[in-house]
Amino acid sequence: MTLSPFCAADRLLTDSAGLFATLTGLGLPHGSYVICGSAALYVRGLRERITDLDVLATGPAWQIATTLGTPRPAPSGHGLSVHHPHAAIEFVDRWTPGWPTDRLIGTADVIDGLPFMRLGDVLAWKEAARRPRDLADIAAVHRLRRMWTGR
């Protein structure tokens, strides 16, 4: 049997809580979700660890997410969210205001078979939110940019 380049057996992404494996096990259809927030920094080596996954889901991926729990108002106050019953994974049906769902999903960077929010979008989102917990992440992205550009 030949394995596809993105099958679960080939998964390279790992985390101590097994969040990526749990997410992969749900079989969410590509093109209907994107992993947002700090996990997008973790997979690029800009964070040492993650404690949860924030997943923006639409269409068939959102339908699968709603089988895991009852949708409730999202903590952001924008849209709905569903929490995985056994893992620190939160699904939302929209990102914060001003972030079009279709664009975030459609422009995702695929890393080891999983779609992640583009780094520039993560930076712009964290700079706009500017929560105390975002400051180290913002600095890490700027360090990477300086390293790549020499500026």
N, C-alpha and C. Protein backbone atom coordinates (compact mmCIF):
# COMPACT_ATOMS: atom_id res chain seq x y z
N MET A 1 0.84 -1.18 0.00
CA MET A 1 0.00 0.00 0.00
C MET A 1 0.89 1.24 0.00
N THR A 2 0.58 2.19 -0.86
CA THR A 2 1.33 3.44 -0.93
C THR A 2 0.61 4.49 -0.09
N LEU A 3 1.36 5.18 0.74
CA LEU A 3 0.78 6.22 1.57
C LEU A 3 0.83 7.55 0.85
N SER A 4 -0.24 8.31 0.98
CA SER A 4 -0.24 9.65 0.39
C SER A 4 0.70 10.54 1.19
N PRO A 5 1.17 11.64 0.60
CA PRO A 5 2.11 12.50 1.31
C PRO A 5 1.51 13.16 2.55
N PHE A 6 0.18 13.15 2.70
CA PHE A 6 -0.42 13.84 3.83
C PHE A 6 -1.28 12.94 4.70
N CYS A 7 -1.07 11.64 4.68
CA CYS A 7 -1.90 10.77 5.50
C CYS A 7 -1.45 10.83 6.95
N ALA A 8 -2.32 10.40 7.84
CA ALA A 8 -2.04 10.49 9.28
C ALA A 8 -0.77 9.75 9.67
N ALA A 9 -0.46 8.64 8.97
CA ALA A 9 0.74 7.88 9.30
C ALA A 9 2.01 8.68 9.04
N ASP A 10 1.92 9.66 8.16
CA ASP A 10 3.08 10.48 7.83
C ASP A 10 3.16 11.76 8.66
N ARG A 11 2.21 11.98 9.53
CA ARG A 11 2.12 13.24 10.28
C ARG A 11 3.41 13.49 11.04
N LEU A 12 4.00 14.65 10.81
CA LEU A 12 5.22 15.04 11.48
C LEU A 12 4.94 15.96 12.66
N LEU A 13 3.84 16.72 12.58
CA LEU A 13 3.53 17.66 13.65
C LEU A 13 3.19 16.92 14.93
N THR A 14 3.80 17.33 16.01
CA THR A 14 3.50 16.73 17.30
C THR A 14 3.41 17.82 18.36
N ASP A 15 2.72 17.52 19.42
CA ASP A 15 2.66 18.38 20.58
C ASP A 15 2.40 17.48 21.77
N SER A 16 2.78 17.93 22.95
CA SER A 16 2.72 17.07 24.12
C SER A 16 1.31 16.60 24.47
N ALA A 17 0.30 17.36 24.13
CA ALA A 17 -1.08 16.98 24.44
C ALA A 17 -1.74 16.18 23.32
N GLY A 18 -1.05 16.01 22.21
CA GLY A 18 -1.62 15.25 21.10
C GLY A 18 -2.74 15.98 20.38
N LEU A 19 -2.72 17.31 20.41
CA LEU A 19 -3.80 18.09 19.81
C LEU A 19 -3.86 17.92 18.29
N PHE A 20 -2.71 17.92 17.63
CA PHE A 20 -2.70 17.76 16.18
C PHE A 20 -3.23 16.38 15.79
N ALA A 21 -2.85 15.36 16.52
CA ALA A 21 -3.34 14.00 16.24
C ALA A 21 -4.85 13.92 16.46
N THR A 22 -5.33 14.54 17.52
CA THR A 22 -6.78 14.54 17.79
C THR A 22 -7.52 15.25 16.68
N LEU A 23 -7.02 16.41 16.26
CA LEU A 23 -7.66 17.16 15.19
C LEU A 23 -7.66 16.35 13.89
N THR A 24 -6.52 15.74 13.55
CA THR A 24 -6.42 14.93 12.34
C THR A 24 -7.42 13.78 12.38
N GLY A 25 -7.59 13.19 13.55
CA GLY A 25 -8.51 12.07 13.71
C GLY A 25 -9.96 12.40 13.43
N LEU A 26 -10.30 13.67 13.45
CA LEU A 26 -11.68 14.08 13.16
C LEU A 26 -12.01 14.01 11.67
N GLY A 27 -10.98 13.96 10.83
CA GLY A 27 -11.20 13.85 9.40
C GLY A 27 -11.87 15.06 8.77
N LEU A 28 -11.53 16.24 9.25
CA LEU A 28 -12.13 17.46 8.70
C LEU A 28 -11.72 17.62 7.25
N PRO A 29 -12.66 17.94 6.38
CA PRO A 29 -12.32 18.10 4.96
C PRO A 29 -11.47 19.35 4.73
N HIS A 30 -10.43 19.20 3.94
CA HIS A 30 -9.58 20.34 3.60
C HIS A 30 -10.41 21.37 2.84
N GLY A 31 -10.07 22.62 3.05
CA GLY A 31 -10.80 23.70 2.41
C GLY A 31 -12.00 24.16 3.22
N SER A 32 -12.20 23.57 4.40
CA SER A 32 -13.33 24.00 5.23
C SER A 32 -12.90 24.36 6.64
N TYR A 33 -11.58 24.44 6.87
CA TYR A 33 -11.10 24.86 8.19
C TYR A 33 -9.66 25.37 8.09
N VAL A 34 -9.26 26.10 9.12
CA VAL A 34 -7.89 26.58 9.25
C VAL A 34 -7.56 26.68 10.73
N ILE A 35 -6.34 26.32 11.09
CA ILE A 35 -5.86 26.44 12.46
C ILE A 35 -5.31 27.85 12.61
N CYS A 36 -5.84 28.57 13.59
CA CYS A 36 -5.48 29.98 13.76
C CYS A 36 -4.69 30.20 15.05
N GLY A 37 -4.31 31.43 15.27
CA GLY A 37 -3.70 31.83 16.53
C GLY A 37 -2.29 31.29 16.75
N SER A 38 -1.99 31.00 17.99
CA SER A 38 -0.62 30.67 18.40
C SER A 38 -0.10 29.36 17.84
N ALA A 39 -0.96 28.44 17.51
CA ALA A 39 -0.50 27.17 16.92
C ALA A 39 0.20 27.43 15.59
N ALA A 40 -0.23 28.48 14.89
CA ALA A 40 0.42 28.84 13.63
C ALA A 40 1.85 29.34 13.86
N LEU A 41 2.12 29.84 15.04
CA LEU A 41 3.49 30.23 15.40
C LEU A 41 4.29 29.01 15.85
N TYR A 42 3.66 28.14 16.60
CA TYR A 42 4.31 26.93 17.11
C TYR A 42 4.86 26.08 15.96
N VAL A 43 4.05 25.86 14.92
CA VAL A 43 4.49 24.99 13.82
C VAL A 43 5.63 25.60 13.02
N ARG A 44 5.82 26.89 13.17
CA ARG A 44 6.92 27.57 12.47
C ARG A 44 8.12 27.78 13.39
N GLY A 45 8.10 27.18 14.57
CA GLY A 45 9.21 27.27 15.50
C GLY A 45 9.31 28.59 16.24
N LEU A 46 8.23 29.36 16.26
CA LEU A 46 8.25 30.67 16.92
C LEU A 46 7.66 30.63 18.33
N ARG A 47 7.25 29.48 18.76
CA ARG A 47 6.77 29.24 20.12
C ARG A 47 7.27 27.88 20.55
N GLU A 48 7.57 27.76 21.83
CA GLU A 48 8.08 26.49 22.33
C GLU A 48 6.99 25.47 22.60
N ARG A 49 5.78 25.95 22.89
CA ARG A 49 4.70 25.01 23.20
C ARG A 49 3.35 25.67 22.89
N ILE A 50 2.35 24.82 22.83
CA ILE A 50 0.98 25.30 22.71
C ILE A 50 0.15 24.62 23.79
N THR A 51 -0.91 25.27 24.19
CA THR A 51 -1.78 24.68 25.20
C THR A 51 -3.16 24.35 24.63
N ASP A 52 -3.45 24.89 23.43
CA ASP A 52 -4.74 24.62 22.81
C ASP A 52 -4.66 24.91 21.32
N LEU A 53 -5.71 24.53 20.63
CA LEU A 53 -5.84 24.84 19.21
C LEU A 53 -7.11 25.65 19.01
N ASP A 54 -7.01 26.69 18.20
CA ASP A 54 -8.16 27.48 17.79
C ASP A 54 -8.39 27.16 16.32
N VAL A 55 -9.55 26.61 16.01
CA VAL A 55 -9.83 26.16 14.65
C VAL A 55 -11.05 26.90 14.12
N LEU A 56 -10.85 27.62 13.04
CA LEU A 56 -11.92 28.29 12.33
C LEU A 56 -12.49 27.29 11.33
N ALA A 57 -13.78 26.99 11.46
CA ALA A 57 -14.39 25.95 10.64
C ALA A 57 -15.66 26.45 9.98
N THR A 58 -15.92 25.95 8.79
CA THR A 58 -17.12 26.32 8.05
C THR A 58 -17.64 25.07 7.34
N GLY A 59 -18.85 25.14 6.86
CA GLY A 59 -19.42 24.05 6.07
C GLY A 59 -19.26 22.69 6.72
N PRO A 60 -18.68 21.72 5.99
CA PRO A 60 -18.59 20.36 6.52
C PRO A 60 -17.73 20.24 7.78
N ALA A 61 -16.69 21.03 7.89
CA ALA A 61 -15.86 20.97 9.11
C ALA A 61 -16.65 21.48 10.32
N TRP A 62 -17.44 22.53 10.12
CA TRP A 62 -18.27 23.05 11.22
C TRP A 62 -19.33 22.01 11.60
N GLN A 63 -19.89 21.33 10.62
CA GLN A 63 -20.88 20.30 10.92
C GLN A 63 -20.28 19.19 11.77
N ILE A 64 -19.06 18.79 11.47
CA ILE A 64 -18.38 17.77 12.29
C ILE A 64 -18.13 18.33 13.69
N ALA A 65 -17.70 19.57 13.78
CA ALA A 65 -17.43 20.18 15.09
C ALA A 65 -18.69 20.19 15.96
N THR A 66 -19.83 20.45 15.35
CA THR A 66 -21.06 20.53 16.15
C THR A 66 -21.51 19.17 16.66
N THR A 67 -20.93 18.08 16.16
CA THR A 67 -21.24 16.77 16.72
C THR A 67 -20.49 16.54 18.03
N LEU A 68 -19.51 17.40 18.31
CA LEU A 68 -18.69 17.25 19.52
C LEU A 68 -19.29 17.96 20.72
N GLY A 69 -20.20 18.89 20.49
CA GLY A 69 -20.80 19.65 21.58
C GLY A 69 -21.78 20.68 21.05
N THR A 70 -22.44 21.33 21.96
CA THR A 70 -23.43 22.33 21.61
C THR A 70 -22.75 23.67 21.32
N PRO A 71 -23.03 24.26 20.17
CA PRO A 71 -22.47 25.59 19.89
C PRO A 71 -22.96 26.61 20.90
N ARG A 72 -22.04 27.43 21.33
CA ARG A 72 -22.34 28.50 22.29
C ARG A 72 -21.73 29.80 21.76
N PRO A 73 -22.16 30.94 22.29
CA PRO A 73 -21.52 32.19 21.86
C PRO A 73 -20.01 32.12 22.07
N ALA A 74 -19.26 32.55 21.07
CA ALA A 74 -17.79 32.52 21.15
C ALA A 74 -17.31 33.51 22.21
N PRO A 75 -16.19 33.20 22.87
CA PRO A 75 -15.63 34.12 23.87
C PRO A 75 -15.36 35.52 23.31
N SER A 76 -15.09 35.61 22.01
CA SER A 76 -14.83 36.91 21.39
C SER A 76 -16.11 37.74 21.26
N GLY A 77 -17.26 37.09 21.46
CA GLY A 77 -18.53 37.77 21.26
C GLY A 77 -18.93 37.82 19.81
N HIS A 78 -18.19 37.12 18.96
CA HIS A 78 -18.41 37.14 17.51
C HIS A 78 -18.60 35.71 17.04
N GLY A 79 -19.82 35.32 16.74
CA GLY A 79 -20.08 33.98 16.24
C GLY A 79 -20.27 32.96 17.34
N LEU A 80 -20.10 31.69 16.94
CA LEU A 80 -20.33 30.56 17.83
C LEU A 80 -19.05 29.75 18.02
N SER A 81 -18.99 29.01 19.10
CA SER A 81 -17.85 28.14 19.34
C SER A 81 -18.32 26.80 19.88
N VAL A 82 -17.50 25.79 19.65
CA VAL A 82 -17.72 24.44 20.17
C VAL A 82 -16.40 23.98 20.75
N HIS A 83 -16.42 23.45 21.95
CA HIS A 83 -15.22 22.91 22.58
C HIS A 83 -15.20 21.40 22.43
N HIS A 84 -14.06 20.88 22.01
CA HIS A 84 -13.89 19.43 21.93
C HIS A 84 -14.08 18.88 23.35
N PRO A 85 -14.81 17.77 23.49
CA PRO A 85 -15.09 17.26 24.84
C PRO A 85 -13.89 16.68 25.58
N HIS A 86 -12.83 16.30 24.86
CA HIS A 86 -11.70 15.62 25.52
C HIS A 86 -10.34 16.24 25.22
N ALA A 87 -10.31 17.32 24.48
CA ALA A 87 -9.04 17.94 24.11
C ALA A 87 -9.21 19.46 24.12
N ALA A 88 -8.12 20.16 24.29
CA ALA A 88 -8.15 21.63 24.32
C ALA A 88 -8.18 22.19 22.89
N ILE A 89 -9.29 21.90 22.22
CA ILE A 89 -9.50 22.38 20.86
C ILE A 89 -10.83 23.13 20.84
N GLU A 90 -10.76 24.39 20.40
CA GLU A 90 -11.97 25.19 20.28
C GLU A 90 -12.22 25.46 18.80
N PHE A 91 -13.42 25.17 18.36
CA PHE A 91 -13.84 25.44 16.99
C PHE A 91 -14.71 26.69 17.02
N VAL A 92 -14.49 27.58 16.06
CA VAL A 92 -15.32 28.77 15.92
C VAL A 92 -15.82 28.84 14.49
N ASP A 93 -17.01 29.43 14.32
CA ASP A 93 -17.56 29.52 12.97
C ASP A 93 -17.17 30.82 12.28
N ARG A 94 -16.47 31.69 12.96
CA ARG A 94 -15.90 32.90 12.36
C ARG A 94 -14.79 33.41 13.28
N TRP A 95 -13.86 34.11 12.69
CA TRP A 95 -12.76 34.69 13.46
C TRP A 95 -13.24 36.04 13.98
N THR A 96 -12.40 36.83 14.52
CA THR A 96 -12.81 38.11 15.07
C THR A 96 -13.24 39.07 13.96
N PRO A 97 -14.01 40.12 14.28
CA PRO A 97 -14.51 41.03 13.24
C PRO A 97 -13.39 41.55 12.34
N GLY A 98 -13.71 41.62 11.06
CA GLY A 98 -12.75 42.12 10.08
C GLY A 98 -11.92 41.04 9.42
N TRP A 99 -12.09 39.80 9.83
CA TRP A 99 -11.31 38.70 9.27
C TRP A 99 -12.25 37.76 8.52
N PRO A 100 -12.31 37.87 7.19
CA PRO A 100 -13.21 37.04 6.40
C PRO A 100 -12.86 35.55 6.48
N THR A 101 -13.82 34.77 6.85
CA THR A 101 -13.63 33.33 7.01
C THR A 101 -13.10 32.69 5.74
N ASP A 102 -13.74 32.98 4.61
CA ASP A 102 -13.33 32.34 3.35
C ASP A 102 -11.90 32.68 2.98
N ARG A 103 -11.47 33.92 3.23
CA ARG A 103 -10.09 34.31 2.90
C ARG A 103 -9.09 33.59 3.81
N LEU A 104 -9.38 33.53 5.11
CA LEU A 104 -8.45 32.87 6.03
C LEU A 104 -8.30 31.39 5.68
N ILE A 105 -9.39 30.74 5.34
CA ILE A 105 -9.33 29.33 4.97
C ILE A 105 -8.67 29.16 3.60
N GLY A 106 -9.04 30.01 2.66
CA GLY A 106 -8.53 29.88 1.30
C GLY A 106 -7.06 30.20 1.13
N THR A 107 -6.50 31.00 2.04
CA THR A 107 -5.08 31.37 1.91
C THR A 107 -4.20 30.64 2.92
N ALA A 108 -4.74 29.63 3.58
CA ALA A 108 -3.98 28.91 4.61
C ALA A 108 -2.69 28.32 4.04
N ASP A 109 -1.67 28.28 4.89
CA ASP A 109 -0.43 27.57 4.57
C ASP A 109 -0.59 26.14 5.05
N VAL A 110 -0.39 25.17 4.17
CA VAL A 110 -0.51 23.76 4.56
C VAL A 110 0.85 23.28 5.01
N ILE A 111 0.90 22.85 6.26
CA ILE A 111 2.13 22.36 6.87
C ILE A 111 1.86 20.96 7.38
N ASP A 112 2.60 19.99 6.89
CA ASP A 112 2.39 18.58 7.24
C ASP A 112 0.93 18.17 7.09
N GLY A 113 0.29 18.68 6.04
CA GLY A 113 -1.06 18.28 5.73
C GLY A 113 -2.16 19.02 6.46
N LEU A 114 -1.79 19.93 7.36
CA LEU A 114 -2.79 20.70 8.10
C LEU A 114 -2.74 22.17 7.69
N PRO A 115 -3.91 22.81 7.57
CA PRO A 115 -3.96 24.22 7.15
C PRO A 115 -3.79 25.17 8.33
N PHE A 116 -2.84 26.08 8.19
CA PHE A 116 -2.57 27.06 9.24
C PHE A 116 -2.74 28.48 8.72
N MET A 117 -3.18 29.35 9.59
CA MET A 117 -3.31 30.77 9.27
C MET A 117 -1.94 31.29 8.83
N ARG A 118 -1.94 32.10 7.78
CA ARG A 118 -0.69 32.68 7.28
C ARG A 118 -0.02 33.51 8.37
N LEU A 119 1.29 33.48 8.38
CA LEU A 119 2.05 34.17 9.42
C LEU A 119 1.76 35.67 9.44
N GLY A 120 1.66 36.29 8.27
CA GLY A 120 1.35 37.71 8.21
C GLY A 120 -0.01 38.03 8.82
N ASP A 121 -0.97 37.13 8.63
CA ASP A 121 -2.30 37.32 9.22
C ASP A 121 -2.25 37.16 10.74
N VAL A 122 -1.48 36.18 11.21
CA VAL A 122 -1.34 36.00 12.66
C VAL A 122 -0.74 37.27 13.26
N LEU A 123 0.30 37.79 12.63
CA LEU A 123 0.95 39.01 13.13
C LEU A 123 -0.04 40.18 13.14
N ALA A 124 -0.75 40.39 12.04
CA ALA A 124 -1.69 41.51 11.98
C ALA A 124 -2.79 41.36 13.03
N TRP A 125 -3.28 40.14 13.22
CA TRP A 125 -4.33 39.89 14.20
C TRP A 125 -3.82 40.15 15.62
N LYS A 126 -2.62 39.65 15.93
CA LYS A 126 -2.07 39.84 17.27
C LYS A 126 -1.71 41.31 17.51
N GLU A 127 -1.22 42.00 16.49
CA GLU A 127 -0.92 43.43 16.65
C GLU A 127 -2.19 44.24 16.89
N ALA A 128 -3.27 43.86 16.24
CA ALA A 128 -4.55 44.57 16.44
C ALA A 128 -5.11 44.29 17.83
N ALA A 129 -5.02 43.04 18.28
CA ALA A 129 -5.54 42.67 19.60
C ALA A 129 -4.64 43.22 20.71
N ARG A 130 -3.35 43.11 20.51
CA ARG A 130 -2.32 43.61 21.41
C ARG A 130 -2.58 43.28 22.89
N ARG A 131 -2.99 42.05 23.14
CA ARG A 131 -3.17 41.59 24.52
C ARG A 131 -1.79 41.36 25.12
N PRO A 132 -1.65 41.47 26.41
CA PRO A 132 -0.34 41.23 27.03
C PRO A 132 0.27 39.89 26.61
N ARG A 133 -0.54 38.87 26.47
CA ARG A 133 -0.01 37.55 26.09
C ARG A 133 0.46 37.50 24.64
N ASP A 134 0.08 38.49 23.82
CA ASP A 134 0.48 38.51 22.41
C ASP A 134 1.84 39.17 22.19
N LEU A 135 2.33 39.92 23.14
CA LEU A 135 3.54 40.72 22.92
C LEU A 135 4.77 39.88 22.58
N ALA A 136 4.95 38.76 23.27
CA ALA A 136 6.10 37.89 22.96
C ALA A 136 5.97 37.29 21.56
N ASP A 137 4.76 36.96 21.17
CA ASP A 137 4.55 36.40 19.83
C ASP A 137 4.84 37.45 18.76
N ILE A 138 4.39 38.67 18.98
CA ILE A 138 4.64 39.76 18.04
C ILE A 138 6.15 39.97 17.89
N ALA A 139 6.84 39.98 19.00
CA ALA A 139 8.30 40.17 18.97
C ALA A 139 8.99 39.03 18.22
N ALA A 140 8.52 37.80 18.41
CA ALA A 140 9.12 36.65 17.73
C ALA A 140 8.96 36.76 16.22
N VAL A 141 7.79 37.18 15.76
CA VAL A 141 7.58 37.32 14.31
C VAL A 141 8.46 38.43 13.75
N HIS A 142 8.58 39.53 14.50
CA HIS A 142 9.43 40.63 14.03
C HIS A 142 10.90 40.21 13.99
N ARG A 143 11.35 39.40 14.95
CA ARG A 143 12.72 38.89 14.91
C ARG A 143 12.95 38.04 13.67
N LEU A 144 11.98 37.20 13.36
CA LEU A 144 12.08 36.36 12.16
C LEU A 144 12.13 37.22 10.90
N ARG A 145 11.29 38.22 10.85
CA ARG A 145 11.28 39.13 9.68
C ARG A 145 12.63 39.81 9.52
N ARG A 146 13.21 40.29 10.63
CA ARG A 146 14.53 40.94 10.55
C ARG A 146 15.59 39.95 10.07
N MET A 147 15.50 38.71 10.53
CA MET A 147 16.45 37.71 10.13
C MET A 147 16.34 37.44 8.63
N TRP A 148 15.12 37.35 8.10
CA TRP A 148 14.92 37.10 6.68
C TRP A 148 15.29 38.28 5.81
N THR A 149 14.96 39.48 6.27
CA THR A 149 15.15 40.66 5.42
C THR A 149 16.45 41.40 5.70
N GLY A 150 17.07 41.14 6.84
CA GLY A 150 18.27 41.86 7.23
C GLY A 150 17.97 43.27 7.72
N ARG A 151 16.69 43.56 7.96
CA ARG A 151 16.29 44.89 8.45
C ARG A 151 15.69 44.81 9.82
